[in-house]
């Protein structure tokens, strides 16, 4: 069960960095890119242009917005 332990370590590290929302399930919680952008900005401030990041998703376009955001 090393795999599960590894994911727990990553999840705990992300949460210790102060990301919001709290990461519970890595596969689900990282799909929109917001946590990753927060981690980039915490590690190297000013890296993320927050004006270009979608933080509230439109219900009708949510899937496309999430995919587009992860490609930035």
PDB file of N, CA and C in Angstrom:
ATOM      1  N   UNK A   1       0.806  -1.198   0.000  1.00  0.00           N
ATOM      2  CA  UNK A   1       0.000   0.000   0.000  1.00  0.00           C
ATOM      3  C   UNK A   1       0.851   1.265   0.000  1.00  0.00           C
ATOM      4  N   UNK A   2       2.047   1.169  -0.543  1.00  0.00           N
ATOM      5  CA  UNK A   2       2.934   2.324  -0.642  1.00  0.00           C
ATOM      6  C   UNK A   2       2.287   3.452  -1.439  1.00  0.00           C
ATOM      7  N   UNK A   3       1.564   3.087  -2.481  1.00  0.00           N
ATOM      8  CA  UNK A   3       0.918   4.075  -3.353  1.00  0.00           C
ATOM      9  C   UNK A   3      -0.020   4.986  -2.559  1.00  0.00           C
ATOM     10  N   UNK A   4      -0.844   4.403  -1.708  1.00  0.00           N
ATOM     11  CA  UNK A   4      -1.778   5.207  -0.903  1.00  0.00           C
ATOM     12  C   UNK A   4      -1.029   6.101   0.070  1.00  0.00           C
ATOM     13  N   UNK A   5       0.052   5.606   0.639  1.00  0.00           N
ATOM     14  CA  UNK A   5       0.845   6.396   1.568  1.00  0.00           C
ATOM     15  C   UNK A   5       1.479   7.594   0.852  1.00  0.00           C
ATOM     16  N   UNK A   6       1.950   7.366  -0.375  1.00  0.00           N
ATOM     17  CA  UNK A   6       2.536   8.462  -1.147  1.00  0.00           C
ATOM     18  C   UNK A   6       1.517   9.565  -1.385  1.00  0.00           C
ATOM     19  N   UNK A   7       0.290   9.191  -1.793  1.00  0.00           N
ATOM     20  CA  UNK A   7      -0.744  10.194  -2.048  1.00  0.00           C
ATOM     21  C   UNK A   7      -1.114  10.934  -0.777  1.00  0.00           C
ATOM     22  N   UNK A   8      -1.095  10.241   0.352  1.00  0.00           N
ATOM     23  CA  UNK A   8      -1.391  10.886   1.632  1.00  0.00           C
ATOM     24  C   UNK A   8      -0.336  11.929   1.957  1.00  0.00           C
ATOM     25  N   UNK A   9       0.918  11.614   1.696  1.00  0.00           N
ATOM     26  CA  UNK A   9       2.004  12.568   1.936  1.00  0.00           C
ATOM     27  C   UNK A   9       1.828  13.802   1.063  1.00  0.00           C
ATOM     28  N   UNK A  10       1.538  13.614  -0.233  1.00  0.00           N
ATOM     29  CA  UNK A  10       1.323  14.755  -1.129  1.00  0.00           C
ATOM     30  C   UNK A  10       0.130  15.594  -0.688  1.00  0.00           C
ATOM     31  N   UNK A  11      -0.966  14.924  -0.350  1.00  0.00           N
ATOM     32  CA  UNK A  11      -2.165  15.637   0.093  1.00  0.00           C
ATOM     33  C   UNK A  11      -1.880  16.449   1.345  1.00  0.00           C
ATOM     34  N   UNK A  12      -1.207  15.846   2.309  1.00  0.00           N
ATOM     35  CA  UNK A  12      -0.889  16.555   3.550  1.00  0.00           C
ATOM     36  C   UNK A  12       0.040  17.739   3.300  1.00  0.00           C
ATOM     37  N   UNK A  13       0.994  17.571   2.383  1.00  0.00           N
ATOM     38  CA  UNK A  13       1.902  18.671   2.050  1.00  0.00           C
ATOM     39  C   UNK A  13       1.121  19.837   1.445  1.00  0.00           C
ATOM     40  N   UNK A  14       0.235  19.547   0.494  1.00  0.00           N
ATOM     41  CA  UNK A  14      -0.566  20.604  -0.133  1.00  0.00           C
ATOM     42  C   UNK A  14      -1.386  21.350   0.909  1.00  0.00           C
ATOM     43  N   UNK A  15      -2.027  20.614   1.790  1.00  0.00           N
ATOM     44  CA  UNK A  15      -2.851  21.249   2.827  1.00  0.00           C
ATOM     45  C   UNK A  15      -2.000  22.054   3.796  1.00  0.00           C
ATOM     46  N   UNK A  16      -0.779  21.593   4.080  1.00  0.00           N
ATOM     47  CA  UNK A  16       0.094  22.331   4.998  1.00  0.00           C
ATOM     48  C   UNK A  16       0.566  23.654   4.391  1.00  0.00           C
ATOM     49  N   UNK A  17       0.521  23.749   3.058  1.00  0.00           N
ATOM     50  CA  UNK A  17       0.923  24.983   2.384  1.00  0.00           C
ATOM     51  C   UNK A  17      -0.182  26.037   2.441  1.00  0.00           C
ATOM     52  N   UNK A  18      -1.373  25.655   2.888  1.00  0.00           N
ATOM     53  CA  UNK A  18      -2.456  26.618   3.068  1.00  0.00           C
ATOM     54  C   UNK A  18      -3.361  26.800   1.867  1.00  0.00           C
ATOM     55  N   UNK A  19      -3.425  25.789   1.003  1.00  0.00           N
ATOM     56  CA  UNK A  19      -4.304  25.900  -0.171  1.00  0.00           C
ATOM     57  C   UNK A  19      -5.767  25.840   0.256  1.00  0.00           C
ATOM     58  N   UNK A  20      -6.599  26.435  -0.587  1.00  0.00           N
ATOM     59  CA  UNK A  20      -8.035  26.435  -0.327  1.00  0.00           C
ATOM     60  C   UNK A  20      -8.757  26.150  -1.631  1.00  0.00           C
ATOM     61  N   UNK A  21      -9.660  25.241  -1.664  1.00  0.00           N
ATOM     62  CA  UNK A  21     -10.213  24.442  -0.580  1.00  0.00           C
ATOM     63  C   UNK A  21      -9.258  23.324  -0.156  1.00  0.00           C
ATOM     64  N   UNK A  22      -9.555  22.756   0.980  1.00  0.00           N
ATOM     65  CA  UNK A  22      -8.783  21.654   1.548  1.00  0.00           C
ATOM     66  C   UNK A  22      -8.788  20.481   0.577  1.00  0.00           C
ATOM     67  N   UNK A  23      -7.632  19.860   0.370  1.00  0.00           N
ATOM     68  CA  UNK A  23      -7.517  18.729  -0.550  1.00  0.00           C
ATOM     69  C   UNK A  23      -7.847  17.439   0.207  1.00  0.00           C
ATOM     70  N   UNK A  24      -8.893  16.745  -0.243  1.00  0.00           N
ATOM     71  CA  UNK A  24      -9.263  15.457   0.336  1.00  0.00           C
ATOM     72  C   UNK A  24      -8.898  14.312  -0.597  1.00  0.00           C
ATOM     73  N   UNK A  25      -9.286  14.440  -1.846  1.00  0.00           N
ATOM     74  CA  UNK A  25      -9.009  13.412  -2.853  1.00  0.00           C
ATOM     75  C   UNK A  25      -8.232  14.066  -3.987  1.00  0.00           C
ATOM     76  N   UNK A  26      -6.990  13.682  -4.139  1.00  0.00           N
ATOM     77  CA  UNK A  26      -6.118  14.322  -5.113  1.00  0.00           C
ATOM     78  C   UNK A  26      -6.705  14.285  -6.516  1.00  0.00           C
ATOM     79  N   UNK A  27      -7.164  13.127  -6.957  1.00  0.00           N
ATOM     80  CA  UNK A  27      -7.664  13.013  -8.330  1.00  0.00           C
ATOM     81  C   UNK A  27      -8.847  13.942  -8.591  1.00  0.00           C
ATOM     82  N   UNK A  28      -9.733  14.110  -7.650  1.00  0.00           N
ATOM     83  CA  UNK A  28     -10.905  14.966  -7.842  1.00  0.00           C
ATOM     84  C   UNK A  28     -10.606  16.439  -7.576  1.00  0.00           C
ATOM     85  N   UNK A  29      -9.840  16.710  -6.547  1.00  0.00           N
ATOM     86  CA  UNK A  29      -9.655  18.087  -6.101  1.00  0.00           C
ATOM     87  C   UNK A  29      -8.676  18.894  -6.955  1.00  0.00           C
ATOM     88  N   UNK A  30      -7.880  18.236  -7.781  1.00  0.00           N
ATOM     89  CA  UNK A  30      -6.916  18.958  -8.610  1.00  0.00           C
ATOM     90  C   UNK A  30      -7.386  19.148 -10.051  1.00  0.00           C
ATOM     91  N   UNK A  31      -8.600  18.705 -10.365  1.00  0.00           N
ATOM     92  CA  UNK A  31      -9.046  18.710 -11.759  1.00  0.00           C
ATOM     93  C   UNK A  31      -9.216  20.093 -12.370  1.00  0.00           C
ATOM     94  N   UNK A  32      -9.471  21.118 -11.578  1.00  0.00           N
ATOM     95  CA  UNK A  32      -9.696  22.443 -12.168  1.00  0.00           C
ATOM     96  C   UNK A  32      -8.451  23.322 -12.175  1.00  0.00           C
ATOM     97  N   UNK A  33      -7.358  22.853 -11.616  1.00  0.00           N
ATOM     98  CA  UNK A  33      -6.101  23.586 -11.664  1.00  0.00           C
ATOM     99  C   UNK A  33      -5.894  24.616 -10.568  1.00  0.00           C
ATOM    100  N   UNK A  34      -6.926  24.952  -9.802  1.00  0.00           N
ATOM    101  CA  UNK A  34      -6.799  26.021  -8.805  1.00  0.00           C
ATOM    102  C   UNK A  34      -5.784  25.706  -7.714  1.00  0.00           C
ATOM    103  N   UNK A  35      -5.767  24.483  -7.243  1.00  0.00           N
ATOM    104  CA  UNK A  35      -4.816  24.095  -6.191  1.00  0.00           C
ATOM    105  C   UNK A  35      -3.388  24.177  -6.728  1.00  0.00           C
ATOM    106  N   UNK A  36      -3.176  23.683  -7.945  1.00  0.00           N
ATOM    107  CA  UNK A  36      -1.846  23.722  -8.554  1.00  0.00           C
ATOM    108  C   UNK A  36      -1.368  25.163  -8.718  1.00  0.00           C
ATOM    109  N   UNK A  37      -2.261  26.048  -9.197  1.00  0.00           N
ATOM    110  CA  UNK A  37      -1.892  27.454  -9.333  1.00  0.00           C
ATOM    111  C   UNK A  37      -1.537  28.065  -7.973  1.00  0.00           C
ATOM    112  N   UNK A  38      -2.292  27.716  -6.943  1.00  0.00           N
ATOM    113  CA  UNK A  38      -1.988  28.237  -5.610  1.00  0.00           C
ATOM    114  C   UNK A  38      -0.611  27.760  -5.147  1.00  0.00           C
ATOM    115  N   UNK A  39      -0.307  26.492  -5.388  1.00  0.00           N
ATOM    116  CA  UNK A  39       1.002  25.965  -4.990  1.00  0.00           C
ATOM    117  C   UNK A  39       2.128  26.672  -5.743  1.00  0.00           C
ATOM    118  N   UNK A  40       1.962  26.880  -7.051  1.00  0.00           N
ATOM    119  CA  UNK A  40       2.963  27.630  -7.817  1.00  0.00           C
ATOM    120  C   UNK A  40       3.187  29.000  -7.196  1.00  0.00           C
ATOM    121  N   UNK A  41       2.092  29.687  -6.874  1.00  0.00           N
ATOM    122  CA  UNK A  41       2.184  31.044  -6.355  1.00  0.00           C
ATOM    123  C   UNK A  41       2.761  31.085  -4.935  1.00  0.00           C
ATOM    124  N   UNK A  42       2.520  30.054  -4.152  1.00  0.00           N
ATOM    125  CA  UNK A  42       3.090  29.985  -2.800  1.00  0.00           C
ATOM    126  C   UNK A  42       4.592  29.738  -2.881  1.00  0.00           C
ATOM    127  N   UNK A  43       4.989  28.828  -3.758  1.00  0.00           N
ATOM    128  CA  UNK A  43       6.405  28.475  -3.882  1.00  0.00           C
ATOM    129  C   UNK A  43       7.206  29.616  -4.512  1.00  0.00           C
ATOM    130  N   UNK A  44       6.667  30.227  -5.552  1.00  0.00           N
ATOM    131  CA  UNK A  44       7.331  31.361  -6.206  1.00  0.00           C
ATOM    132  C   UNK A  44       6.298  32.464  -6.426  1.00  0.00           C
ATOM    133  N   UNK A  45       6.160  33.358  -5.454  1.00  0.00           N
ATOM    134  CA  UNK A  45       5.152  34.417  -5.537  1.00  0.00           C
ATOM    135  C   UNK A  45       5.270  35.234  -6.828  1.00  0.00           C
ATOM    136  N   UNK A  46       4.108  35.552  -7.400  1.00  0.00           N
ATOM    137  CA  UNK A  46       4.058  36.335  -8.622  1.00  0.00           C
ATOM    138  C   UNK A  46       4.081  35.499  -9.892  1.00  0.00           C
ATOM    139  N   UNK A  47       4.206  34.195  -9.748  1.00  0.00           N
ATOM    140  CA  UNK A  47       4.251  33.313 -10.911  1.00  0.00           C
ATOM    141  C   UNK A  47       2.917  33.257 -11.640  1.00  0.00           C
ATOM    142  N   UNK A  48       1.830  33.279 -10.898  1.00  0.00           N
ATOM    143  CA  UNK A  48       0.489  33.118 -11.470  1.00  0.00           C
ATOM    144  C   UNK A  48      -0.148  34.477 -11.719  1.00  0.00           C
ATOM    145  N   UNK A  49      -0.656  34.663 -12.931  1.00  0.00           N
ATOM    146  CA  UNK A  49      -1.415  35.869 -13.265  1.00  0.00           C
ATOM    147  C   UNK A  49      -2.875  35.565 -12.918  1.00  0.00           C
ATOM    148  N   UNK A  50      -3.296  35.950 -11.725  1.00  0.00           N
ATOM    149  CA  UNK A  50      -4.617  35.584 -11.213  1.00  0.00           C
ATOM    150  C   UNK A  50      -5.755  36.191 -12.021  1.00  0.00           C
ATOM    151  N   UNK A  51      -5.482  37.223 -12.804  1.00  0.00           N
ATOM    152  CA  UNK A  51      -6.526  37.807 -13.649  1.00  0.00           C
ATOM    153  C   UNK A  51      -6.940  36.834 -14.756  1.00  0.00           C
ATOM    154  N   UNK A  52      -6.039  35.939 -15.134  1.00  0.00           N
ATOM    155  CA  UNK A  52      -6.320  34.985 -16.208  1.00  0.00           C
ATOM    156  C   UNK A  52      -6.886  33.664 -15.699  1.00  0.00           C
ATOM    157  N   UNK A  53      -6.921  33.486 -14.386  1.00  0.00           N
ATOM    158  CA  UNK A  53      -7.386  32.231 -13.791  1.00  0.00           C
ATOM    159  C   UNK A  53      -8.887  32.314 -13.519  1.00  0.00           C
ATOM    160  N   UNK A  54      -9.613  31.305 -13.990  1.00  0.00           N
ATOM    161  CA  UNK A  54     -11.049  31.228 -13.713  1.00  0.00           C
ATOM    162  C   UNK A  54     -11.211  30.623 -12.322  1.00  0.00           C
ATOM    163  N   UNK A  55     -11.850  31.368 -11.421  1.00  0.00           N
ATOM    164  CA  UNK A  55     -12.025  30.865 -10.065  1.00  0.00           C
ATOM    165  C   UNK A  55     -13.459  30.445  -9.785  1.00  0.00           C
ATOM    166  N   UNK A  56     -14.397  30.995 -10.521  1.00  0.00           N
ATOM    167  CA  UNK A  56     -15.813  30.598 -10.435  1.00  0.00           C
ATOM    168  C   UNK A  56     -16.208  30.088 -11.810  1.00  0.00           C
ATOM    169  N   UNK A  57     -16.596  28.833 -11.875  1.00  0.00           N
ATOM    170  CA  UNK A  57     -16.899  28.211 -13.152  1.00  0.00           C
ATOM    171  C   UNK A  57     -18.377  28.339 -13.515  1.00  0.00           C
ATOM    172  N   UNK A  58     -18.623  28.590 -14.792  1.00  0.00           N
ATOM    173  CA  UNK A  58     -19.972  28.647 -15.331  1.00  0.00           C
ATOM    174  C   UNK A  58     -20.500  27.219 -15.441  1.00  0.00           C
ATOM    175  N   UNK A  59     -21.689  26.946 -14.928  1.00  0.00           N
ATOM    176  CA  UNK A  59     -22.225  25.580 -14.927  1.00  0.00           C
ATOM    177  C   UNK A  59     -22.321  24.976 -16.318  1.00  0.00           C
ATOM    178  N   UNK A  60     -22.685  25.778 -17.306  1.00  0.00           N
ATOM    179  CA  UNK A  60     -22.853  25.261 -18.662  1.00  0.00           C
ATOM    180  C   UNK A  60     -21.517  24.993 -19.363  1.00  0.00           C
ATOM    181  N   UNK A  61     -20.465  25.722 -18.970  1.00  0.00           N
ATOM    182  CA  UNK A  61     -19.166  25.583 -19.629  1.00  0.00           C
ATOM    183  C   UNK A  61     -18.099  25.010 -18.712  1.00  0.00           C
ATOM    184  N   UNK A  62     -18.495  24.473 -17.560  1.00  0.00           N
ATOM    185  CA  UNK A  62     -17.543  24.056 -16.534  1.00  0.00           C
ATOM    186  C   UNK A  62     -16.463  23.111 -17.060  1.00  0.00           C
ATOM    187  N   UNK A  63     -16.850  22.070 -17.773  1.00  0.00           N
ATOM    188  CA  UNK A  63     -15.880  21.083 -18.243  1.00  0.00           C
ATOM    189  C   UNK A  63     -14.840  21.728 -19.163  1.00  0.00           C
ATOM    190  N   UNK A  64     -15.300  22.545 -20.102  1.00  0.00           N
ATOM    191  CA  UNK A  64     -14.379  23.194 -21.033  1.00  0.00           C
ATOM    192  C   UNK A  64     -13.480  24.213 -20.334  1.00  0.00           C
ATOM    193  N   UNK A  65     -14.022  24.944 -19.363  1.00  0.00           N
ATOM    194  CA  UNK A  65     -13.222  25.907 -18.616  1.00  0.00           C
ATOM    195  C   UNK A  65     -12.140  25.209 -17.806  1.00  0.00           C
ATOM    196  N   UNK A  66     -12.483  24.090 -17.180  1.00  0.00           N
ATOM    197  CA  UNK A  66     -11.487  23.348 -16.401  1.00  0.00           C
ATOM    198  C   UNK A  66     -10.376  22.803 -17.289  1.00  0.00           C
ATOM    199  N   UNK A  67     -10.730  22.268 -18.434  1.00  0.00           N
ATOM    200  CA  UNK A  67      -9.735  21.738 -19.351  1.00  0.00           C
ATOM    201  C   UNK A  67      -8.838  22.865 -19.851  1.00  0.00           C
ATOM    202  N   UNK A  68      -9.439  23.969 -20.235  1.00  0.00           N
ATOM    203  CA  UNK A  68      -8.674  25.115 -20.712  1.00  0.00           C
ATOM    204  C   UNK A  68      -7.744  25.670 -19.653  1.00  0.00           C
ATOM    205  N   UNK A  69      -8.194  25.712 -18.454  1.00  0.00           N
ATOM    206  CA  UNK A  69      -7.397  26.227 -17.361  1.00  0.00           C
ATOM    207  C   UNK A  69      -6.190  25.350 -17.096  1.00  0.00           C
ATOM    208  N   UNK A  70      -6.351  24.060 -17.187  1.00  0.00           N
ATOM    209  CA  UNK A  70      -5.239  23.134 -16.931  1.00  0.00           C
ATOM    210  C   UNK A  70      -4.213  23.164 -18.058  1.00  0.00           C
ATOM    211  N   UNK A  71      -4.564  23.736 -19.190  1.00  0.00           N
ATOM    212  CA  UNK A  71      -3.634  23.841 -20.318  1.00  0.00           C
ATOM    213  C   UNK A  71      -2.795  25.111 -20.254  1.00  0.00           C
ATOM    214  N   UNK A  72      -3.112  26.043 -19.390  1.00  0.00           N
ATOM    215  CA  UNK A  72      -2.382  27.320 -19.331  1.00  0.00           C
ATOM    216  C   UNK A  72      -0.976  27.121 -18.872  1.00  0.00           C
TER     217      UNK A  72
END
